[in-house]
Amino acid sequence: GGGSAGPNAEGLAGLPADDRLVALFEAVAERREARFRYH
């Protein structure tokens, strides 16, 4: 019942999306241990 800007309005700023964010958001929200390779 909200959203006065309309469904096709462009945002003022875009944040990059990354497939790894899906797993990391879940890990942060649900306090899951995460494993990955870095440097």
Full PDB file with SEQRES, HELIX, SHEET, SSBOND, CRYST1, ORIGX, SCALE, CONECT and MASTER records, all heavy atoms in Angstrom:
SEQRES   1 A   39  GLY GLY GLY SER ALA GLY PRO ASN ALA GLU GLY LEU ALA          
SEQRES   2 A   39  GLY LEU PRO ALA ASP ASP ARG LEU VAL ALA LEU PHE GLU          
SEQRES   3 A   39  ALA VAL ALA GLU ARG ARG GLU ALA ARG PHE ARG TYR HIS          
HELIX    1 AA1 ASP A   19  GLU A   30  1                                  12    
CRYST1    1.000    1.000    1.000  90.00  90.00  90.00 P 1           1          
ORIGX1      1.000000  0.000000  0.000000        0.00000                         
ORIGX2      0.000000  1.000000  0.000000        0.00000                         
ORIGX3      0.000000  0.000000  1.000000        0.00000                         
SCALE1      1.000000  0.000000  0.000000        0.00000                         
SCALE2      0.000000  1.000000  0.000000        0.00000                         
SCALE3      0.000000  0.000000  1.000000        0.00000                         
ATOM      1  N   GLY A   1       0.794  -1.223   0.000  1.00  0.00           N  
ATOM      2  CA  GLY A   1       0.000   0.000   0.000  1.00  0.00           C  
ATOM      3  C   GLY A   1       0.817   1.258   0.000  1.00  0.00           C  
ATOM      4  O   GLY A   1       0.312   2.340   0.244  1.00  0.00           O  
ATOM      5  N   GLY A   2       2.128   1.177  -0.286  1.00  0.00           N  
ATOM      6  CA  GLY A   2       2.977   2.360  -0.313  1.00  0.00           C  
ATOM      7  C   GLY A   2       3.753   2.422  -1.599  1.00  0.00           C  
ATOM      8  O   GLY A   2       3.475   1.716  -2.559  1.00  0.00           O  
ATOM      9  N   GLY A   3       4.741   3.304  -1.664  1.00  0.00           N  
ATOM     10  CA  GLY A   3       5.596   3.385  -2.834  1.00  0.00           C  
ATOM     11  C   GLY A   3       5.165   4.446  -3.807  1.00  0.00           C  
ATOM     12  O   GLY A   3       4.826   4.158  -4.946  1.00  0.00           O  
ATOM     13  N   SER A   4       5.171   5.703  -3.389  1.00  0.00           N  
ATOM     14  CA  SER A   4       4.682   6.776  -4.236  1.00  0.00           C  
ATOM     15  C   SER A   4       5.584   7.048  -5.424  1.00  0.00           C  
ATOM     16  O   SER A   4       5.167   7.675  -6.390  1.00  0.00           O  
ATOM     17  CB  SER A   4       4.550   8.066  -3.408  1.00  0.00           C  
ATOM     18  OG  SER A   4       5.788   8.425  -2.841  1.00  0.00           O  
ATOM     19  N   ALA A   5       6.850   6.571  -5.381  1.00  0.00           N  
ATOM     20  CA  ALA A   5       7.753   6.835  -6.492  1.00  0.00           C  
ATOM     21  C   ALA A   5       7.406   6.035  -7.728  1.00  0.00           C  
ATOM     22  O   ALA A   5       7.840   6.342  -8.825  1.00  0.00           O  
ATOM     23  CB  ALA A   5       9.201   6.519  -6.079  1.00  0.00           C  
ATOM     24  N   GLY A   6       6.596   4.976  -7.575  1.00  0.00           N  
ATOM     25  CA  GLY A   6       6.232   4.160  -8.720  1.00  0.00           C  
ATOM     26  C   GLY A   6       7.197   3.018  -8.900  1.00  0.00           C  
ATOM     27  O   GLY A   6       8.363   3.086  -8.538  1.00  0.00           O  
ATOM     28  N   PRO A   7       6.706   1.908  -9.477  1.00  0.00           N  
ATOM     29  CA  PRO A   7       7.526   0.709  -9.558  1.00  0.00           C  
ATOM     30  C   PRO A   7       8.682   0.829 -10.515  1.00  0.00           C  
ATOM     31  O   PRO A   7       9.607   0.035 -10.457  1.00  0.00           O  
ATOM     32  CB  PRO A   7       6.523  -0.362 -10.037  1.00  0.00           C  
ATOM     33  CG  PRO A   7       5.468   0.410 -10.767  1.00  0.00           C  
ATOM     34  CD  PRO A   7       5.359   1.718 -10.049  1.00  0.00           C  
ATOM     35  N   ASN A   8       8.683   1.798 -11.457  1.00  0.00           N  
ATOM     36  CA  ASN A   8       9.755   1.912 -12.441  1.00  0.00           C  
ATOM     37  C   ASN A   8      10.688   3.087 -12.190  1.00  0.00           C  
ATOM     38  O   ASN A   8      11.492   3.439 -13.043  1.00  0.00           O  
ATOM     39  CB  ASN A   8       9.154   2.028 -13.851  1.00  0.00           C  
ATOM     40  CG  ASN A   8       8.370   0.782 -14.223  1.00  0.00           C  
ATOM     41  OD1 ASN A   8       8.816  -0.325 -13.984  1.00  0.00           O  
ATOM     42  ND2 ASN A   8       7.192   0.972 -14.797  1.00  0.00           N  
ATOM     43  N   ALA A   9      10.539   3.748 -11.032  1.00  0.00           N  
ATOM     44  CA  ALA A   9      11.393   4.904 -10.747  1.00  0.00           C  
ATOM     45  C   ALA A   9      12.838   4.459 -10.559  1.00  0.00           C  
ATOM     46  O   ALA A   9      13.110   3.432  -9.961  1.00  0.00           O  
ATOM     47  CB  ALA A   9      10.890   5.605  -9.482  1.00  0.00           C  
ATOM     48  N   GLU A  10      13.758   5.237 -11.079  1.00  0.00           N  
ATOM     49  CA  GLU A  10      15.166   4.911 -10.920  1.00  0.00           C  
ATOM     50  C   GLU A  10      15.690   5.467  -9.606  1.00  0.00           C  
ATOM     51  O   GLU A  10      15.351   6.565  -9.196  1.00  0.00           O  
ATOM     52  CB  GLU A  10      15.977   5.487 -12.085  1.00  0.00           C  
ATOM     53  CG  GLU A  10      15.662   4.834 -13.421  1.00  0.00           C  
ATOM     54  CD  GLU A  10      16.615   5.295 -14.497  1.00  0.00           C  
ATOM     55  OE1 GLU A  10      17.537   6.069 -14.159  1.00  0.00           O  
ATOM     56  OE2 GLU A  10      16.437   4.891 -15.658  1.00  0.00           O  
ATOM     57  N   GLY A  11      16.561   4.702  -8.952  1.00  0.00           N  
ATOM     58  CA  GLY A  11      17.123   5.157  -7.692  1.00  0.00           C  
ATOM     59  C   GLY A  11      18.196   6.206  -7.899  1.00  0.00           C  
ATOM     60  O   GLY A  11      18.781   6.340  -8.972  1.00  0.00           O  
ATOM     61  N   LEU A  12      18.430   6.979  -6.849  1.00  0.00           N  
ATOM     62  CA  LEU A  12      19.490   7.977  -6.895  1.00  0.00           C  
ATOM     63  C   LEU A  12      20.864   7.335  -6.816  1.00  0.00           C  
ATOM     64  O   LEU A  12      21.842   7.893  -7.287  1.00  0.00           O  
ATOM     65  CB  LEU A  12      19.314   8.964  -5.725  1.00  0.00           C  
ATOM     66  CG  LEU A  12      18.005   9.754  -5.707  1.00  0.00           C  
ATOM     67  CD1 LEU A  12      17.949  10.593  -4.441  1.00  0.00           C  
ATOM     68  CD2 LEU A  12      17.877  10.621  -6.941  1.00  0.00           C  
ATOM     69  N   ALA A  13      20.957   6.177  -6.204  1.00  0.00           N  
ATOM     70  CA  ALA A  13      22.242   5.491  -6.072  1.00  0.00           C  
ATOM     71  C   ALA A  13      22.018   3.996  -6.193  1.00  0.00           C  
ATOM     72  O   ALA A  13      20.969   3.487  -5.809  1.00  0.00           O  
ATOM     73  CB  ALA A  13      22.881   5.809  -4.715  1.00  0.00           C  
ATOM     74  N   GLY A  14      22.991   3.308  -6.760  1.00  0.00           N  
ATOM     75  CA  GLY A  14      22.911   1.862  -6.896  1.00  0.00           C  
ATOM     76  C   GLY A  14      24.008   1.194  -6.089  1.00  0.00           C  
ATOM     77  O   GLY A  14      25.144   1.651  -6.064  1.00  0.00           O  
ATOM     78  N   LEU A  15      23.659   0.130  -5.401  1.00  0.00           N  
ATOM     79  CA  LEU A  15      24.631  -0.653  -4.650  1.00  0.00           C  
ATOM     80  C   LEU A  15      24.981  -1.894  -5.469  1.00  0.00           C  
ATOM     81  O   LEU A  15      24.105  -2.506  -6.066  1.00  0.00           O  
ATOM     82  CB  LEU A  15      24.055  -1.084  -3.300  1.00  0.00           C  
ATOM     83  CG  LEU A  15      23.656   0.036  -2.338  1.00  0.00           C  
ATOM     84  CD1 LEU A  15      23.122  -0.563  -1.051  1.00  0.00           C  
ATOM     85  CD2 LEU A  15      24.834   0.950  -2.052  1.00  0.00           C  
ATOM     86  N   PRO A  16      26.248  -2.267  -5.497  1.00  0.00           N  
ATOM     87  CA  PRO A  16      26.619  -3.445  -6.273  1.00  0.00           C  
ATOM     88  C   PRO A  16      26.030  -4.703  -5.660  1.00  0.00           C  
ATOM     89  O   PRO A  16      25.947  -4.836  -4.436  1.00  0.00           O  
ATOM     90  CB  PRO A  16      28.150  -3.456  -6.180  1.00  0.00           C  
ATOM     91  CG  PRO A  16      28.460  -2.700  -4.926  1.00  0.00           C  
ATOM     92  CD  PRO A  16      27.394  -1.648  -4.820  1.00  0.00           C  
ATOM     93  N   ALA A  17      25.603  -5.619  -6.517  1.00  0.00           N  
ATOM     94  CA  ALA A  17      25.074  -6.902  -6.060  1.00  0.00           C  
ATOM     95  C   ALA A  17      26.127  -7.979  -6.307  1.00  0.00           C  
ATOM     96  O   ALA A  17      26.908  -7.898  -7.242  1.00  0.00           O  
ATOM     97  CB  ALA A  17      23.774  -7.236  -6.787  1.00  0.00           C  
ATOM     98  N   ASP A  18      26.145  -8.983  -5.458  1.00  0.00           N  
ATOM     99  CA  ASP A  18      27.146 -10.037  -5.550  1.00  0.00           C  
ATOM    100  C   ASP A  18      26.489 -11.307  -5.032  1.00  0.00           C  
ATOM    101  O   ASP A  18      25.845 -11.295  -3.971  1.00  0.00           O  
ATOM    102  CB  ASP A  18      28.369  -9.663  -4.697  1.00  0.00           C  
ATOM    103  CG  ASP A  18      29.550 -10.600  -4.911  1.00  0.00           C  
ATOM    104  OD1 ASP A  18      29.361 -11.822  -4.769  1.00  0.00           O  
ATOM    105  OD2 ASP A  18      30.638 -10.109  -5.219  1.00  0.00           O  
ATOM    106  N   ASP A  19      26.655 -12.409  -5.765  1.00  0.00           N  
ATOM    107  CA  ASP A  19      26.037 -13.663  -5.337  1.00  0.00           C  
ATOM    108  C   ASP A  19      26.473 -14.068  -3.932  1.00  0.00           C  
ATOM    109  O   ASP A  19      25.726 -14.699  -3.188  1.00  0.00           O  
ATOM    110  CB  ASP A  19      26.382 -14.780  -6.319  1.00  0.00           C  
ATOM    111  CG  ASP A  19      25.648 -14.643  -7.642  1.00  0.00           C  
ATOM    112  OD1 ASP A  19      24.670 -13.866  -7.687  1.00  0.00           O  
ATOM    113  OD2 ASP A  19      26.042 -15.304  -8.622  1.00  0.00           O  
ATOM    114  N   ARG A  20      27.698 -13.705  -3.555  1.00  0.00           N  
ATOM    115  CA  ARG A  20      28.188 -14.075  -2.227  1.00  0.00           C  
ATOM    116  C   ARG A  20      27.437 -13.348  -1.117  1.00  0.00           C  
ATOM    117  O   ARG A  20      27.400 -13.803   0.026  1.00  0.00           O  
ATOM    118  CB  ARG A  20      29.686 -13.789  -2.139  1.00  0.00           C  
ATOM    119  CG  ARG A  20      30.529 -14.757  -2.965  1.00  0.00           C  
ATOM    120  CD  ARG A  20      31.905 -14.238  -3.257  1.00  0.00           C  
ATOM    121  NE  ARG A  20      31.872 -13.114  -4.187  1.00  0.00           N  
ATOM    122  CZ  ARG A  20      32.905 -12.737  -4.926  1.00  0.00           C  
ATOM    123  NH1 ARG A  20      34.029 -13.388  -4.850  1.00  0.00           N  
ATOM    124  NH2 ARG A  20      32.812 -11.710  -5.742  1.00  0.00           N  
ATOM    125  N   LEU A  21      26.815 -12.208  -1.459  1.00  0.00           N  
ATOM    126  CA  LEU A  21      26.052 -11.473  -0.457  1.00  0.00           C  
ATOM    127  C   LEU A  21      24.872 -12.277   0.054  1.00  0.00           C  
ATOM    128  O   LEU A  21      24.475 -12.153   1.214  1.00  0.00           O  
ATOM    129  CB  LEU A  21      25.536 -10.156  -1.045  1.00  0.00           C  
ATOM    130  CG  LEU A  21      26.563  -9.050  -1.265  1.00  0.00           C  
ATOM    131  CD1 LEU A  21      25.927  -7.871  -1.969  1.00  0.00           C  
ATOM    132  CD2 LEU A  21      27.163  -8.607   0.055  1.00  0.00           C  
ATOM    133  N   VAL A  22      24.276 -13.101  -0.800  1.00  0.00           N  
ATOM    134  CA  VAL A  22      23.126 -13.904  -0.381  1.00  0.00           C  
ATOM    135  C   VAL A  22      23.506 -14.784   0.806  1.00  0.00           C  
ATOM    136  O   VAL A  22      22.828 -14.800   1.838  1.00  0.00           O  
ATOM    137  CB  VAL A  22      22.614 -14.766  -1.553  1.00  0.00           C  
ATOM    138  CG1 VAL A  22      21.451 -15.649  -1.101  1.00  0.00           C  
ATOM    139  CG2 VAL A  22      22.187 -13.887  -2.724  1.00  0.00           C  
ATOM    140  N   ALA A  23      24.615 -15.512   0.649  1.00  0.00           N  
ATOM    141  CA  ALA A  23      25.061 -16.390   1.742  1.00  0.00           C  
ATOM    142  C   ALA A  23      25.498 -15.595   2.960  1.00  0.00           C  
ATOM    143  O   ALA A  23      25.217 -15.983   4.101  1.00  0.00           O  
ATOM    144  CB  ALA A  23      26.197 -17.289   1.246  1.00  0.00           C  
ATOM    145  N   LEU A  24      26.177 -14.463   2.744  1.00  0.00           N  
ATOM    146  CA  LEU A  24      26.686 -13.688   3.876  1.00  0.00           C  
ATOM    147  C   LEU A  24      25.574 -12.985   4.639  1.00  0.00           C  
ATOM    148  O   LEU A  24      25.616 -12.904   5.876  1.00  0.00           O  
ATOM    149  CB  LEU A  24      27.724 -12.676   3.382  1.00  0.00           C  
ATOM    150  CG  LEU A  24      29.042 -13.281   2.906  1.00  0.00           C  
ATOM    151  CD1 LEU A  24      29.945 -12.211   2.302  1.00  0.00           C  
ATOM    152  CD2 LEU A  24      29.762 -13.991   4.055  1.00  0.00           C  
ATOM    153  N   PHE A  25      24.568 -12.449   3.931  1.00  0.00           N  
ATOM    154  CA  PHE A  25      23.430 -11.847   4.628  1.00  0.00           C  
ATOM    155  C   PHE A  25      22.742 -12.886   5.508  1.00  0.00           C  
ATOM    156  O   PHE A  25      22.371 -12.612   6.653  1.00  0.00           O  
ATOM    157  CB  PHE A  25      22.429 -11.261   3.631  1.00  0.00           C  
ATOM    158  CG  PHE A  25      22.682  -9.818   3.299  1.00  0.00           C  
ATOM    159  CD1 PHE A  25      23.019  -9.432   2.018  1.00  0.00           C  
ATOM    160  CD2 PHE A  25      22.577  -8.836   4.269  1.00  0.00           C  
ATOM    161  CE1 PHE A  25      23.252  -8.106   1.700  1.00  0.00           C  
ATOM    162  CE2 PHE A  25      22.812  -7.509   3.965  1.00  0.00           C  
ATOM    163  CZ  PHE A  25      23.147  -7.141   2.680  1.00  0.00           C  
ATOM    164  N   GLU A  26      22.567 -14.085   4.976  1.00  0.00           N  
ATOM    165  CA  GLU A  26      21.955 -15.160   5.755  1.00  0.00           C  
ATOM    166  C   GLU A  26      22.825 -15.505   6.959  1.00  0.00           C  
ATOM    167  O   GLU A  26      22.322 -15.712   8.068  1.00  0.00           O  
ATOM    168  CB  GLU A  26      21.767 -16.391   4.869  1.00  0.00           C  
ATOM    169  CG  GLU A  26      21.172 -17.588   5.611  1.00  0.00           C  
ATOM    170  CD  GLU A  26      21.131 -18.833   4.740  1.00  0.00           C  
ATOM    171  OE1 GLU A  26      22.190 -19.204   4.199  1.00  0.00           O  
ATOM    172  OE2 GLU A  26      20.044 -19.417   4.622  1.00  0.00           O  
ATOM    173  N   ALA A  27      24.134 -15.567   6.739  1.00  0.00           N  
ATOM    174  CA  ALA A  27      25.036 -15.925   7.834  1.00  0.00           C  
ATOM    175  C   ALA A  27      25.007 -14.889   8.949  1.00  0.00           C  
ATOM    176  O   ALA A  27      25.009 -15.228  10.138  1.00  0.00           O  
ATOM    177  CB  ALA A  27      26.460 -16.092   7.290  1.00  0.00           C  
ATOM    178  N   VAL A  28      24.979 -13.594   8.584  1.00  0.00           N  
ATOM    179  CA  VAL A  28      24.920 -12.533   9.595  1.00  0.00           C  
ATOM    180  C   VAL A  28      23.591 -12.580  10.338  1.00  0.00           C  
ATOM    181  O   VAL A  28      23.535 -12.509  11.569  1.00  0.00           O  
ATOM    182  CB  VAL A  28      25.128 -11.156   8.929  1.00  0.00           C  
ATOM    183  CG1 VAL A  28      24.850 -10.041   9.930  1.00  0.00           C  
ATOM    184  CG2 VAL A  28      26.546 -11.029   8.394  1.00  0.00           C  
ATOM    185  N   ALA A  29      22.488 -12.711   9.586  1.00  0.00           N  
ATOM    186  CA  ALA A  29      21.156 -12.665  10.197  1.00  0.00           C  
ATOM    187  C   ALA A  29      20.894 -13.858  11.102  1.00  0.00           C  
ATOM    188  O   ALA A  29      20.253 -13.724  12.152  1.00  0.00           O  
ATOM    189  CB  ALA A  29      20.094 -12.594   9.101  1.00  0.00           C  
ATOM    190  N   GLU A  30      21.409 -15.037  10.718  1.00  0.00           N  
ATOM    191  CA  GLU A  30      21.083 -16.258  11.454  1.00  0.00           C  
ATOM    192  C   GLU A  30      22.253 -16.775  12.283  1.00  0.00           C  
ATOM    193  O   GLU A  30      22.195 -17.864  12.824  1.00  0.00           O  
ATOM    194  CB  GLU A  30      20.621 -17.342  10.477  1.00  0.00           C  
ATOM    195  CG  GLU A  30      19.368 -16.925   9.696  1.00  0.00           C  
ATOM    196  CD  GLU A  30      18.871 -18.014   8.778  1.00  0.00           C  
ATOM    197  OE1 GLU A  30      19.483 -19.105   8.765  1.00  0.00           O  
ATOM    198  OE2 GLU A  30      17.875 -17.781   8.075  1.00  0.00           O  
ATOM    199  N   ARG A  31      23.327 -15.970  12.368  1.00  0.00           N  
ATOM    200  CA  ARG A  31      24.500 -16.314  13.163  1.00  0.00           C  
ATOM    201  C   ARG A  31      25.063 -17.684  12.748  1.00  0.00           C  
ATOM    202  O   ARG A  31      25.291 -18.570  13.562  1.00  0.00           O  
ATOM    203  CB  ARG A  31      24.174 -16.287  14.657  1.00  0.00           C  
ATOM    204  CG  ARG A  31      23.874 -14.890  15.165  1.00  0.00           C  
ATOM    205  CD  ARG A  31      23.595 -14.835  16.648  1.00  0.00           C  
ATOM    206  NE  ARG A  31      22.316 -15.420  16.981  1.00  0.00           N  
ATOM    207  CZ  ARG A  31      22.162 -16.500  17.724  1.00  0.00           C  
ATOM    208  NH1 ARG A  31      23.209 -17.115  18.247  1.00  0.00           N  
ATOM    209  NH2 ARG A  31      20.962 -16.968  17.977  1.00  0.00           N  
ATOM    210  N   ARG A  32      25.290 -17.815  11.434  1.00  0.00           N  
ATOM    211  CA  ARG A  32      25.892 -19.024  10.874  1.00  0.00           C  
ATOM    212  C   ARG A  32      27.395 -18.806  10.672  1.00  0.00           C  
ATOM    213  O   ARG A  32      27.798 -17.753  10.204  1.00  0.00           O  
ATOM    214  CB  ARG A  32      25.261 -19.370   9.516  1.00  0.00           C  
ATOM    215  CG  ARG A  32      23.777 -19.727   9.566  1.00  0.00           C  
ATOM    216  CD  ARG A  32      23.250 -19.902   8.154  1.00  0.00           C  
ATOM    217  NE  ARG A  32      21.834 -20.215   8.121  1.00  0.00           N  
ATOM    218  CZ  ARG A  32      21.335 -21.454   8.017  1.00  0.00           C  
ATOM    219  NH1 ARG A  32      22.174 -22.480   7.906  1.00  0.00           N  
ATOM    220  NH2 ARG A  32      20.039 -21.663   7.991  1.00  0.00           N  
ATOM    221  N   GLU A  33      28.194 -19.773  11.006  1.00  0.00           N  
ATOM    222  CA  GLU A  33      29.617 -19.712  10.712  1.00  0.00           C  
ATOM    223  C   GLU A  33      29.803 -19.717   9.190  1.00  0.00           C  
ATOM    224  O   GLU A  33      29.100 -20.429   8.474  1.00  0.00           O  
ATOM    225  CB  GLU A  33      30.310 -20.919  11.336  1.00  0.00           C  
ATOM    226  CG  GLU A  33      31.820 -20.906  11.250  1.00  0.00           C  
ATOM    227  CD  GLU A  33      32.413 -22.123  11.916  1.00  0.00           C  
ATOM    228  OE1 GLU A  33      32.489 -23.179  11.244  1.00  0.00           O  
ATOM    229  OE2 GLU A  33      32.764 -22.042  13.106  1.00  0.00           O  
ATOM    230  N   ALA A  34      30.736 -18.906   8.693  1.00  0.00           N  
ATOM    231  CA  ALA A  34      30.973 -18.803   7.251  1.00  0.00           C  
ATOM    232  C   ALA A  34      32.406 -19.226   6.927  1.00  0.00           C  
ATOM    233  O   ALA A  34      33.334 -18.960   7.695  1.00  0.00           O  
ATOM    234  CB  ALA A  34      30.724 -17.382   6.766  1.00  0.00           C  
ATOM    235  N   ARG A  35      32.563 -19.863   5.763  1.00  0.00           N  
ATOM    236  CA  ARG A  35      33.878 -20.309   5.308  1.00  0.00           C  
ATOM    237  C   ARG A  35      34.093 -19.856   3.870  1.00  0.00           C  
ATOM    238  O   ARG A  35      33.201 -20.003   3.034  1.00  0.00           O  
ATOM    239  CB  ARG A  35      34.000 -21.829   5.417  1.00  0.00           C  
ATOM    240  CG  ARG A  35      33.990 -22.346   6.845  1.00  0.00           C  
ATOM    241  CD  ARG A  35      33.924 -23.863   6.902  1.00  0.00           C  
ATOM    242  NE  ARG A  35      32.654 -24.369   6.403  1.00  0.00           N  
ATOM    243  CZ  ARG A  35      31.543 -24.435   7.114  1.00  0.00           C  
ATOM    244  NH1 ARG A  35      31.542 -24.002   8.378  1.00  0.00           N  
ATOM    245  NH2 ARG A  35      30.445 -24.909   6.599  1.00  0.00           N  
ATOM    246  N   PHE A  36      35.262 -19.308   3.596  1.00  0.00           N  
ATOM    247  CA  PHE A  36      35.597 -18.863   2.256  1.00  0.00           C  
ATOM    248  C   PHE A  36      37.118 -18.732   2.138  1.00  0.00           C  
ATOM    249  O   PHE A  36      37.842 -18.847   3.134  1.00  0.00           O  
ATOM    250  CB  PHE A  36      34.916 -17.527   1.923  1.00  0.00           C  
ATOM    251  CG  PHE A  36      35.106 -16.449   2.962  1.00  0.00           C  
ATOM    252  CD1 PHE A  36      36.256 -15.669   2.999  1.00  0.00           C  
ATOM    253  CD2 PHE A  36      34.118 -16.216   3.923  1.00  0.00           C  
ATOM    254  CE1 PHE A  36      36.421 -14.673   3.963  1.00  0.00           C  
ATOM    255  CE2 PHE A  36      34.275 -15.227   4.887  1.00  0.00           C  
ATOM    256  CZ  PHE A  36      35.432 -14.453   4.906  1.00  0.00           C  
ATOM    257  N   ARG A  37      37.586 -18.479   0.923  1.00  0.00           N  
ATOM    258  CA  ARG A  37      39.017 -18.301   0.672  1.00  0.00           C  
ATOM    259  C   ARG A  37      39.284 -16.837   0.382  1.00  0.00           C  
ATOM    260  O   ARG A  37      38.592 -16.223  -0.422  1.00  0.00           O  
ATOM    261  CB  ARG A  37      39.478 -19.179  -0.493  1.00  0.00           C  
ATOM    262  CG  ARG A  37      40.992 -19.270  -0.610  1.00  0.00           C  
ATOM    263  CD  ARG A  37      41.412 -20.457  -1.462  1.00  0.00           C  
ATOM    264  NE  ARG A  37      42.865 -20.584  -1.567  1.00  0.00           N  
ATOM    265  CZ  ARG A  37      43.628 -21.136  -0.647  1.00  0.00           C  
ATOM    266  NH1 ARG A  37      43.080 -21.617   0.454  1.00  0.00           N  
ATOM    267  NH2 ARG A  37      44.943 -21.214  -0.813  1.00  0.00           N  
ATOM    268  N   TYR A  38      40.304 -16.285   1.049  1.00  0.00           N  
ATOM    269  CA  TYR A  38      40.581 -14.854   0.953  1.00  0.00           C  
ATOM    270  C   TYR A  38      42.086 -14.645   0.997  1.00  0.00           C  
ATOM    271  O   TYR A  38      42.745 -15.117   1.929  1.00  0.00           O  
ATOM    272  CB  TYR A  38      39.902 -14.132   2.118  1.00  0.00           C  
ATOM    273  CG  TYR A  38      39.809 -12.629   1.994  1.00  0.00           C  
ATOM    274  CD1 TYR A  38      38.778 -12.035   1.272  1.00  0.00           C  
ATOM    275  CD2 TYR A  38      40.740 -11.807   2.605  1.00  0.00           C  
ATOM    276  CE1 TYR A  38      38.682 -10.660   1.170  1.00  0.00           C  
ATOM    277  CE2 TYR A  38      40.654 -10.426   2.501  1.00  0.00           C  
ATOM    278  CZ  TYR A  38      39.615  -9.864   1.787  1.00  0.00           C  
ATOM    279  OH  TYR A  38      39.528  -8.489   1.681  1.00  0.00           O  
ATOM    280  N   HIS A  39      42.619 -13.961  -0.022  1.00  0.00           N  
ATOM    281  CA  HIS A  39      44.063 -13.760  -0.131  1.00  0.00           C  
ATOM    282  C   HIS A  39      44.812 -15.090  -0.001  1.00  0.00           C  
ATOM    283  O   HIS A  39      45.787 -15.222   0.750  1.00  0.00           O  
ATOM    284  CB  HIS A  39      44.565 -12.764   0.920  1.00  0.00           C  
ATOM    285  CG  HIS A  39      44.151 -11.353   0.647  1.00  0.00           C  
ATOM    286  ND1 HIS A  39      44.339 -10.733  -0.577  1.00  0.00           N  
ATOM    287  CD2 HIS A  39      43.546 -10.425   1.440  1.00  0.00           C  
ATOM    288  CE1 HIS A  39      43.871  -9.504  -0.522  1.00  0.00           C  
ATOM    289  NE2 HIS A  39      43.384  -9.286   0.675  1.00  0.00           N  
TER     290      HIS A  39                                                      
MASTER        0    0    0    1    0    0    0    6  289    1    0    3          
END                                                                             
